[in-house]
């Protein structure tokens, strides 16, 4: 139990969250603000949604800032770094949450090659480019910083299907890159991985009820996860409570993959 007079876990910290207009990214941004951090969020297209996220951050008494950026663009990422320096004086944590949606909307109708190219550009290239930018930012600061990259729990043992093949390849790349980066930049910068499982984001919310129930029945904790479940782990890994944790992959999946 946390004492009533204890400081929030991210008090005084400055956090960047990419792809924060909805789902897991939004939950992490709002949870970080609730834990005492100022938060800069990025978005690609949905300005109305990101303005709501900034308002939610500010409603928690923290500073919020939004920057439009394509994480696969080095120029856009440089603009994010300039903005966080100008607005917050730097950052203490960077969450690479931005990812391509190839399961819902227009992304679902792409060919498998188009899906692969998009996932490689956003999820893998974007994570790598943003991580390198974050390292440059952190190494110029007295306190260093923490990076969180997003993988997928089923990378560990696979899942049948064409889309799972694509995700396993790309998110497996994120996991391998993150561990190598963690060894490269320690001890000044910590790098960890979050691997969500079945989470009620756009795909989960739109799935047929029978499928949702079938998935829930096989998960030891008996339910789909929520974006807030992932956000709770993110807050821990960004906080000083995790100061001796780096190069680790934390699966948020109710025990579906162990």
C-alpha atoms as a PDB file:
ATOM      1  CA  UNK A   1       0.000   0.000   0.000  1.00  0.00           C
ATOM      2  CA  UNK A   2       1.286   3.459  -0.890  1.00  0.00           C
ATOM      3  CA  UNK A   3       1.319   5.911   2.029  1.00  0.00           C
ATOM      4  CA  UNK A   4      -1.081   8.823   1.671  1.00  0.00           C
ATOM      5  CA  UNK A   5       1.796  11.310   1.716  1.00  0.00           C
ATOM      6  CA  UNK A   6       3.944   9.461  -0.856  1.00  0.00           C
ATOM      7  CA  UNK A   7       4.831  11.264  -4.064  1.00  0.00           C
ATOM      8  CA  UNK A   8       3.165  10.001  -7.256  1.00  0.00           C
ATOM      9  CA  UNK A   9       5.454   7.505  -9.050  1.00  0.00           C
ATOM     10  CA  UNK A  10       6.205   9.847 -11.961  1.00  0.00           C
ATOM     11  CA  UNK A  11       6.168  13.140 -10.056  1.00  0.00           C
ATOM     12  CA  UNK A  12       8.291  15.729 -11.839  1.00  0.00           C
ATOM     13  CA  UNK A  13       9.000  13.512 -14.847  1.00  0.00           C
ATOM     14  CA  UNK A  14       8.491  14.418 -18.500  1.00  0.00           C
ATOM     15  CA  UNK A  15       7.219  11.658 -20.748  1.00  0.00           C
ATOM     16  CA  UNK A  16       6.833  11.329 -24.536  1.00  0.00           C
ATOM     17  CA  UNK A  17       4.193   8.900 -25.848  1.00  0.00           C
ATOM     18  CA  UNK A  18       3.957   8.298 -29.593  1.00  0.00           C
ATOM     19  CA  UNK A  19       0.690   7.263 -31.215  1.00  0.00           C
ATOM     20  CA  UNK A  20      -1.375   8.451 -28.270  1.00  0.00           C
ATOM     21  CA  UNK A  21      -4.664   9.485 -29.859  1.00  0.00           C
ATOM     22  CA  UNK A  22      -6.450   6.259 -28.851  1.00  0.00           C
ATOM     23  CA  UNK A  23      -6.149   2.831 -27.295  1.00  0.00           C
ATOM     24  CA  UNK A  24      -3.027   1.847 -25.405  1.00  0.00           C
ATOM     25  CA  UNK A  25      -1.146   5.054 -26.234  1.00  0.00           C
ATOM     26  CA  UNK A  26      -3.912   7.222 -24.872  1.00  0.00           C
ATOM     27  CA  UNK A  27      -4.181   5.110 -21.716  1.00  0.00           C
ATOM     28  CA  UNK A  28      -0.424   5.360 -21.104  1.00  0.00           C
ATOM     29  CA  UNK A  29      -0.424   9.132 -21.633  1.00  0.00           C
ATOM     30  CA  UNK A  30      -3.316   9.672 -19.224  1.00  0.00           C
ATOM     31  CA  UNK A  31      -1.900   7.246 -16.653  1.00  0.00           C
ATOM     32  CA  UNK A  32       1.480   8.993 -16.781  1.00  0.00           C
ATOM     33  CA  UNK A  33      -0.222  12.324 -16.152  1.00  0.00           C
ATOM     34  CA  UNK A  34      -2.201  10.785 -13.294  1.00  0.00           C
ATOM     35  CA  UNK A  35       1.105   9.584 -11.855  1.00  0.00           C
ATOM     36  CA  UNK A  36       2.507  13.121 -11.856  1.00  0.00           C
ATOM     37  CA  UNK A  37       4.224  13.494 -15.242  1.00  0.00           C
ATOM     38  CA  UNK A  38       4.031  16.172 -17.891  1.00  0.00           C
ATOM     39  CA  UNK A  39       3.292  14.427 -21.175  1.00  0.00           C
ATOM     40  CA  UNK A  40       4.013  15.202 -24.821  1.00  0.00           C
ATOM     41  CA  UNK A  41       1.928  13.044 -27.158  1.00  0.00           C
ATOM     42  CA  UNK A  42       2.248  12.485 -30.887  1.00  0.00           C
ATOM     43  CA  UNK A  43      -0.424  11.686 -33.437  1.00  0.00           C
ATOM     44  CA  UNK A  44      -0.528  11.104 -37.177  1.00  0.00           C
ATOM     45  CA  UNK A  45      -3.978  12.289 -38.301  1.00  0.00           C
ATOM     46  CA  UNK A  46      -6.689  12.407 -35.600  1.00  0.00           C
ATOM     47  CA  UNK A  47      -6.312  15.932 -34.252  1.00  0.00           C
ATOM     48  CA  UNK A  48      -9.693  15.983 -32.504  1.00  0.00           C
ATOM     49  CA  UNK A  49      -8.840  12.842 -30.535  1.00  0.00           C
ATOM     50  CA  UNK A  50      -5.378  14.049 -29.533  1.00  0.00           C
ATOM     51  CA  UNK A  51      -6.814  17.348 -28.304  1.00  0.00           C
ATOM     52  CA  UNK A  52      -9.050  15.330 -25.994  1.00  0.00           C
ATOM     53  CA  UNK A  53      -5.993  13.478 -24.698  1.00  0.00           C
ATOM     54  CA  UNK A  54      -4.178  16.761 -24.015  1.00  0.00           C
ATOM     55  CA  UNK A  55      -7.267  18.045 -22.200  1.00  0.00           C
ATOM     56  CA  UNK A  56      -7.326  14.879 -20.065  1.00  0.00           C
ATOM     57  CA  UNK A  57      -3.647  15.341 -19.200  1.00  0.00           C
ATOM     58  CA  UNK A  58      -4.232  18.946 -18.182  1.00  0.00           C
ATOM     59  CA  UNK A  59      -7.323  17.958 -16.184  1.00  0.00           C
ATOM     60  CA  UNK A  60      -4.965  15.898 -14.034  1.00  0.00           C
ATOM     61  CA  UNK A  61      -2.974  19.047 -13.263  1.00  0.00           C
ATOM     62  CA  UNK A  62      -0.067  18.327 -15.628  1.00  0.00           C
ATOM     63  CA  UNK A  63       1.278  20.000 -18.737  1.00  0.00           C
ATOM     64  CA  UNK A  64       0.209  18.433 -22.008  1.00  0.00           C
ATOM     65  CA  UNK A  65       1.499  19.017 -25.535  1.00  0.00           C
ATOM     66  CA  UNK A  66       0.628  17.396 -28.887  1.00  0.00           C
ATOM     67  CA  UNK A  67       2.864  17.147 -31.961  1.00  0.00           C
ATOM     68  CA  UNK A  68       1.799  15.736 -35.316  1.00  0.00           C
ATOM     69  CA  UNK A  69       4.433  13.283 -36.490  1.00  0.00           C
ATOM     70  CA  UNK A  70       5.038  10.257 -38.682  1.00  0.00           C
ATOM     71  CA  UNK A  71       7.446   8.157 -36.617  1.00  0.00           C
ATOM     72  CA  UNK A  72       8.949   6.679 -39.791  1.00  0.00           C
ATOM     73  CA  UNK A  73      10.199  10.189 -40.680  1.00  0.00           C
ATOM     74  CA  UNK A  74      13.522  11.317 -39.200  1.00  0.00           C
ATOM     75  CA  UNK A  75      12.539  14.950 -39.824  1.00  0.00           C
ATOM     76  CA  UNK A  76       9.284  14.539 -37.896  1.00  0.00           C
ATOM     77  CA  UNK A  77      11.069  12.893 -34.989  1.00  0.00           C
ATOM     78  CA  UNK A  78      13.613  15.710 -34.875  1.00  0.00           C
ATOM     79  CA  UNK A  79      10.684  18.110 -34.632  1.00  0.00           C
ATOM     80  CA  UNK A  80       9.304  16.098 -31.691  1.00  0.00           C
ATOM     81  CA  UNK A  81      12.670  16.339 -29.920  1.00  0.00           C
ATOM     82  CA  UNK A  82      12.866  20.085 -30.526  1.00  0.00           C
ATOM     83  CA  UNK A  83       9.353  20.547 -29.166  1.00  0.00           C
ATOM     84  CA  UNK A  84       9.929  18.528 -26.006  1.00  0.00           C
ATOM     85  CA  UNK A  85      13.102  20.477 -25.335  1.00  0.00           C
ATOM     86  CA  UNK A  86      11.346  23.796 -25.934  1.00  0.00           C
ATOM     87  CA  UNK A  87       8.231  22.952 -23.918  1.00  0.00           C
ATOM     88  CA  UNK A  88       9.559  20.732 -21.109  1.00  0.00           C
ATOM     89  CA  UNK A  89      13.303  21.317 -21.167  1.00  0.00           C
ATOM     90  CA  UNK A  90      13.853  17.648 -22.005  1.00  0.00           C
ATOM     91  CA  UNK A  91      12.295  14.266 -21.218  1.00  0.00           C
ATOM     92  CA  UNK A  92      12.768  11.458 -18.719  1.00  0.00           C
ATOM     93  CA  UNK A  93      10.810   8.731 -20.502  1.00  0.00           C
ATOM     94  CA  UNK A  94       9.886   7.876 -24.095  1.00  0.00           C
ATOM     95  CA  UNK A  95       7.195   5.341 -25.033  1.00  0.00           C
ATOM     96  CA  UNK A  96       7.240   4.066 -28.624  1.00  0.00           C
ATOM     97  CA  UNK A  97       3.610   3.081 -28.918  1.00  0.00           C
ATOM     98  CA  UNK A  98       2.843   4.242 -32.476  1.00  0.00           C
ATOM     99  CA  UNK A  99       1.897   1.312 -34.683  1.00  0.00           C
ATOM    100  CA  UNK A 100       0.235   0.671 -38.019  1.00  0.00           C
ATOM    101  CA  UNK A 101      -3.347  -0.622 -37.978  1.00  0.00           C
ATOM    102  CA  UNK A 102      -3.627  -3.435 -40.518  1.00  0.00           C
ATOM    103  CA  UNK A 103      -6.545  -5.173 -38.796  1.00  0.00           C
ATOM    104  CA  UNK A 104      -9.348  -2.609 -38.946  1.00  0.00           C
ATOM    105  CA  UNK A 105     -10.519   0.132 -41.298  1.00  0.00           C
ATOM    106  CA  UNK A 106      -8.671   0.636 -44.550  1.00  0.00           C
ATOM    107  CA  UNK A 107      -5.631  -1.261 -43.299  1.00  0.00           C
ATOM    108  CA  UNK A 108      -7.567  -4.533 -43.230  1.00  0.00           C
ATOM    109  CA  UNK A 109      -8.080  -4.436 -47.017  1.00  0.00           C
ATOM    110  CA  UNK A 110      -4.384  -4.016 -47.880  1.00  0.00           C
ATOM    111  CA  UNK A 111      -2.496  -6.844 -49.529  1.00  0.00           C
ATOM    112  CA  UNK A 112      -0.152  -8.834 -47.322  1.00  0.00           C
ATOM    113  CA  UNK A 113       2.848  -7.140 -48.932  1.00  0.00           C
ATOM    114  CA  UNK A 114       1.344  -3.702 -48.326  1.00  0.00           C
ATOM    115  CA  UNK A 115       0.649  -4.649 -44.716  1.00  0.00           C
ATOM    116  CA  UNK A 116       4.207  -5.861 -44.299  1.00  0.00           C
ATOM    117  CA  UNK A 117       5.670  -2.678 -45.748  1.00  0.00           C
ATOM    118  CA  UNK A 118       3.489  -0.536 -43.487  1.00  0.00           C
ATOM    119  CA  UNK A 119       4.332  -2.511 -40.349  1.00  0.00           C
ATOM    120  CA  UNK A 120       8.027  -2.435 -41.159  1.00  0.00           C
ATOM    121  CA  UNK A 121       7.914   1.329 -41.734  1.00  0.00           C
ATOM    122  CA  UNK A 122       5.923   2.298 -38.647  1.00  0.00           C
ATOM    123  CA  UNK A 123       6.334  -0.420 -36.028  1.00  0.00           C
ATOM    124  CA  UNK A 124       9.943  -1.427 -36.673  1.00  0.00           C
ATOM    125  CA  UNK A 125      11.661   1.482 -38.457  1.00  0.00           C
ATOM    126  CA  UNK A 126       9.660   4.022 -36.444  1.00  0.00           C
ATOM    127  CA  UNK A 127      10.560   2.347 -33.145  1.00  0.00           C
ATOM    128  CA  UNK A 128      14.236   2.203 -34.062  1.00  0.00           C
ATOM    129  CA  UNK A 129      14.459   5.788 -35.290  1.00  0.00           C
ATOM    130  CA  UNK A 130      12.536   7.146 -32.294  1.00  0.00           C
ATOM    131  CA  UNK A 131      14.613   5.092 -29.857  1.00  0.00           C
ATOM    132  CA  UNK A 132      17.835   6.486 -31.300  1.00  0.00           C
ATOM    133  CA  UNK A 133      16.440  10.018 -31.010  1.00  0.00           C
ATOM    134  CA  UNK A 134      15.427   9.356 -27.414  1.00  0.00           C
ATOM    135  CA  UNK A 135      18.909   8.052 -26.596  1.00  0.00           C
ATOM    136  CA  UNK A 136      20.467  11.216 -28.044  1.00  0.00           C
ATOM    137  CA  UNK A 137      18.089  13.304 -25.938  1.00  0.00           C
ATOM    138  CA  UNK A 138      18.722  11.354 -22.732  1.00  0.00           C
ATOM    139  CA  UNK A 139      22.495  11.140 -22.991  1.00  0.00           C
ATOM    140  CA  UNK A 140      22.651  14.923 -23.018  1.00  0.00           C
ATOM    141  CA  UNK A 141      20.880  15.091 -19.656  1.00  0.00           C
ATOM    142  CA  UNK A 142      22.273  14.508 -16.151  1.00  0.00           C
ATOM    143  CA  UNK A 143      19.685  11.864 -15.226  1.00  0.00           C
ATOM    144  CA  UNK A 144      19.518   9.792 -18.441  1.00  0.00           C
ATOM    145  CA  UNK A 145      16.096   8.317 -19.170  1.00  0.00           C
ATOM    146  CA  UNK A 146      13.920   5.286 -19.864  1.00  0.00           C
ATOM    147  CA  UNK A 147      12.578   3.919 -23.154  1.00  0.00           C
ATOM    148  CA  UNK A 148       9.603   1.579 -23.563  1.00  0.00           C
ATOM    149  CA  UNK A 149       9.063  -0.256 -26.848  1.00  0.00           C
ATOM    150  CA  UNK A 150       5.957  -2.228 -27.799  1.00  0.00           C
ATOM    151  CA  UNK A 151       6.179  -5.835 -28.932  1.00  0.00           C
ATOM    152  CA  UNK A 152       3.590  -8.654 -28.869  1.00  0.00           C
ATOM    153  CA  UNK A 153       3.254 -11.580 -26.492  1.00  0.00           C
ATOM    154  CA  UNK A 154       2.699 -14.175 -29.239  1.00  0.00           C
ATOM    155  CA  UNK A 155       6.174 -13.517 -30.630  1.00  0.00           C
ATOM    156  CA  UNK A 156       7.205 -16.004 -27.942  1.00  0.00           C
ATOM    157  CA  UNK A 157       5.420 -19.025 -29.416  1.00  0.00           C
ATOM    158  CA  UNK A 158       3.624 -17.962 -32.597  1.00  0.00           C
ATOM    159  CA  UNK A 159      -0.011 -17.823 -33.664  1.00  0.00           C
ATOM    160  CA  UNK A 160      -1.496 -19.302 -36.830  1.00  0.00           C
ATOM    161  CA  UNK A 161      -2.599 -16.929 -39.579  1.00  0.00           C
ATOM    162  CA  UNK A 162      -1.215 -14.507 -42.115  1.00  0.00           C
ATOM    163  CA  UNK A 163      -1.602 -11.374 -39.996  1.00  0.00           C
ATOM    164  CA  UNK A 164       0.039 -13.065 -36.984  1.00  0.00           C
ATOM    165  CA  UNK A 165       2.982 -14.001 -39.208  1.00  0.00           C
ATOM    166  CA  UNK A 166       3.441 -10.331 -40.083  1.00  0.00           C
ATOM    167  CA  UNK A 167       3.136  -9.170 -36.483  1.00  0.00           C
ATOM    168  CA  UNK A 168       5.453 -11.880 -35.189  1.00  0.00           C
ATOM    169  CA  UNK A 169       8.165 -10.923 -37.677  1.00  0.00           C
ATOM    170  CA  UNK A 170       7.945  -7.184 -37.077  1.00  0.00           C
ATOM    171  CA  UNK A 171       7.352  -7.231 -33.330  1.00  0.00           C
ATOM    172  CA  UNK A 172      10.048  -9.879 -32.949  1.00  0.00           C
ATOM    173  CA  UNK A 173      12.365  -7.381 -34.591  1.00  0.00           C
ATOM    174  CA  UNK A 174      11.327  -4.744 -32.062  1.00  0.00           C
ATOM    175  CA  UNK A 175      12.086  -7.140 -29.214  1.00  0.00           C
ATOM    176  CA  UNK A 176      15.513  -8.093 -30.527  1.00  0.00           C
ATOM    177  CA  UNK A 177      16.443  -4.502 -31.293  1.00  0.00           C
ATOM    178  CA  UNK A 178      15.348  -3.350 -27.842  1.00  0.00           C
ATOM    179  CA  UNK A 179      17.492  -5.891 -26.021  1.00  0.00           C
ATOM    180  CA  UNK A 180      20.559  -4.973 -28.072  1.00  0.00           C
ATOM    181  CA  UNK A 181      19.854  -1.284 -27.506  1.00  0.00           C
ATOM    182  CA  UNK A 182      19.503  -1.893 -23.766  1.00  0.00           C
ATOM    183  CA  UNK A 183      23.007  -3.368 -23.648  1.00  0.00           C
ATOM    184  CA  UNK A 184      24.394  -0.557 -25.796  1.00  0.00           C
ATOM    185  CA  UNK A 185      23.084   2.416 -23.826  1.00  0.00           C
ATOM    186  CA  UNK A 186      23.250   1.118 -20.242  1.00  0.00           C
ATOM    187  CA  UNK A 187      23.703   2.328 -17.580  1.00  0.00           C
ATOM    188  CA  UNK A 188      22.618   5.826 -18.557  1.00  0.00           C
ATOM    189  CA  UNK A 189      19.452   4.786 -20.381  1.00  0.00           C
ATOM    190  CA  UNK A 190      17.115   1.919 -19.524  1.00  0.00           C
ATOM    191  CA  UNK A 191      15.250   0.133 -22.340  1.00  0.00           C
ATOM    192  CA  UNK A 192      12.366  -2.256 -21.699  1.00  0.00           C
ATOM    193  CA  UNK A 193       9.656  -3.924 -23.736  1.00  0.00           C
ATOM    194  CA  UNK A 194       5.916  -4.204 -23.180  1.00  0.00           C
ATOM    195  CA  UNK A 195       4.181  -7.100 -24.949  1.00  0.00           C
ATOM    196  CA  UNK A 196       0.389  -6.839 -24.745  1.00  0.00           C
ATOM    197  CA  UNK A 197      -1.785  -9.828 -25.560  1.00  0.00           C
ATOM    198  CA  UNK A 198      -5.507  -9.723 -26.267  1.00  0.00           C
ATOM    199  CA  UNK A 199      -6.417  -6.119 -25.405  1.00  0.00           C
ATOM    200  CA  UNK A 200      -9.759  -4.383 -25.956  1.00  0.00           C
ATOM    201  CA  UNK A 201      -8.580  -1.854 -28.523  1.00  0.00           C
ATOM    202  CA  UNK A 202     -10.248  -1.289 -31.929  1.00  0.00           C
ATOM    203  CA  UNK A 203      -9.766  -4.873 -33.122  1.00  0.00           C
ATOM    204  CA  UNK A 204     -10.883  -6.448 -29.865  1.00  0.00           C
ATOM    205  CA  UNK A 205     -13.906  -4.199 -29.480  1.00  0.00           C
ATOM    206  CA  UNK A 206     -15.014  -4.980 -33.030  1.00  0.00           C
ATOM    207  CA  UNK A 207     -14.509  -8.737 -32.875  1.00  0.00           C
ATOM    208  CA  UNK A 208     -17.529 -11.099 -32.843  1.00  0.00           C
ATOM    209  CA  UNK A 209     -18.768 -11.939 -29.371  1.00  0.00           C
ATOM    210  CA  UNK A 210     -18.202 -15.658 -29.879  1.00  0.00           C
ATOM    211  CA  UNK A 211     -14.555 -15.059 -30.717  1.00  0.00           C
ATOM    212  CA  UNK A 212     -14.135 -12.759 -27.738  1.00  0.00           C
ATOM    213  CA  UNK A 213     -15.561 -15.395 -25.403  1.00  0.00           C
ATOM    214  CA  UNK A 214     -13.393 -18.144 -26.886  1.00  0.00           C
ATOM    215  CA  UNK A 215     -10.270 -16.058 -26.294  1.00  0.00           C
ATOM    216  CA  UNK A 216     -11.299 -15.130 -22.749  1.00  0.00           C
ATOM    217  CA  UNK A 217     -11.924 -18.777 -21.838  1.00  0.00           C
ATOM    218  CA  UNK A 218      -8.352 -19.764 -22.627  1.00  0.00           C
ATOM    219  CA  UNK A 219      -6.739 -16.872 -20.702  1.00  0.00           C
ATOM    220  CA  UNK A 220      -5.879 -17.929 -17.134  1.00  0.00           C
ATOM    221  CA  UNK A 221      -7.179 -14.641 -15.697  1.00  0.00           C
ATOM    222  CA  UNK A 222     -10.430 -15.135 -17.595  1.00  0.00           C
ATOM    223  CA  UNK A 223     -10.790 -11.903 -19.538  1.00  0.00           C
ATOM    224  CA  UNK A 224      -9.396  -9.656 -22.238  1.00  0.00           C
ATOM    225  CA  UNK A 225      -7.015  -6.986 -21.046  1.00  0.00           C
ATOM    226  CA  UNK A 226      -7.705  -3.281 -21.160  1.00  0.00           C
ATOM    227  CA  UNK A 227      -5.468  -0.419 -22.292  1.00  0.00           C
ATOM    228  CA  UNK A 228      -5.338   0.609 -18.635  1.00  0.00           C
ATOM    229  CA  UNK A 229      -3.796  -2.763 -17.742  1.00  0.00           C
ATOM    230  CA  UNK A 230      -0.939  -2.000 -20.122  1.00  0.00           C
ATOM    231  CA  UNK A 231      -0.669   1.564 -18.850  1.00  0.00           C
ATOM    232  CA  UNK A 232      -0.150   0.389 -15.276  1.00  0.00           C
ATOM    233  CA  UNK A 233       2.908  -1.602 -16.315  1.00  0.00           C
ATOM    234  CA  UNK A 234       4.196   1.330 -18.352  1.00  0.00           C
ATOM    235  CA  UNK A 235       4.023   3.678 -15.375  1.00  0.00           C
ATOM    236  CA  UNK A 236       6.038   1.220 -13.289  1.00  0.00           C
ATOM    237  CA  UNK A 237       8.748   0.769 -15.927  1.00  0.00           C
ATOM    238  CA  UNK A 238       9.048   4.533 -16.429  1.00  0.00           C
ATOM    239  CA  UNK A 239       9.317   5.167 -12.689  1.00  0.00           C
ATOM    240  CA  UNK A 240      12.293   5.081 -10.357  1.00  0.00           C
ATOM    241  CA  UNK A 241      10.824   1.923  -8.819  1.00  0.00           C
ATOM    242  CA  UNK A 242      12.142   0.152 -11.941  1.00  0.00           C
ATOM    243  CA  UNK A 243      15.584   1.764 -11.822  1.00  0.00           C
ATOM    244  CA  UNK A 244      17.233  -1.710 -11.738  1.00  0.00           C
ATOM    245  CA  UNK A 245      15.159  -3.085 -14.634  1.00  0.00           C
ATOM    246  CA  UNK A 246      16.446  -2.983 -18.212  1.00  0.00           C
ATOM    247  CA  UNK A 247      16.339  -5.246 -21.260  1.00  0.00           C
ATOM    248  CA  UNK A 248      13.193  -6.973 -19.979  1.00  0.00           C
ATOM    249  CA  UNK A 249      10.020  -7.969 -21.805  1.00  0.00           C
ATOM    250  CA  UNK A 250       6.909  -7.626 -19.654  1.00  0.00           C
ATOM    251  CA  UNK A 251       3.907  -9.491 -21.066  1.00  0.00           C
ATOM    252  CA  UNK A 252       0.521  -7.973 -20.266  1.00  0.00           C
ATOM    253  CA  UNK A 253      -1.757 -10.833 -21.265  1.00  0.00           C
ATOM    254  CA  UNK A 254      -3.518 -12.405 -18.307  1.00  0.00           C
ATOM    255  CA  UNK A 255      -1.187 -15.411 -18.501  1.00  0.00           C
ATOM    256  CA  UNK A 256      -2.139 -16.437 -22.052  1.00  0.00           C
ATOM    257  CA  UNK A 257       1.561 -16.707 -22.948  1.00  0.00           C
ATOM    258  CA  UNK A 258       3.960 -17.524 -20.123  1.00  0.00           C
END
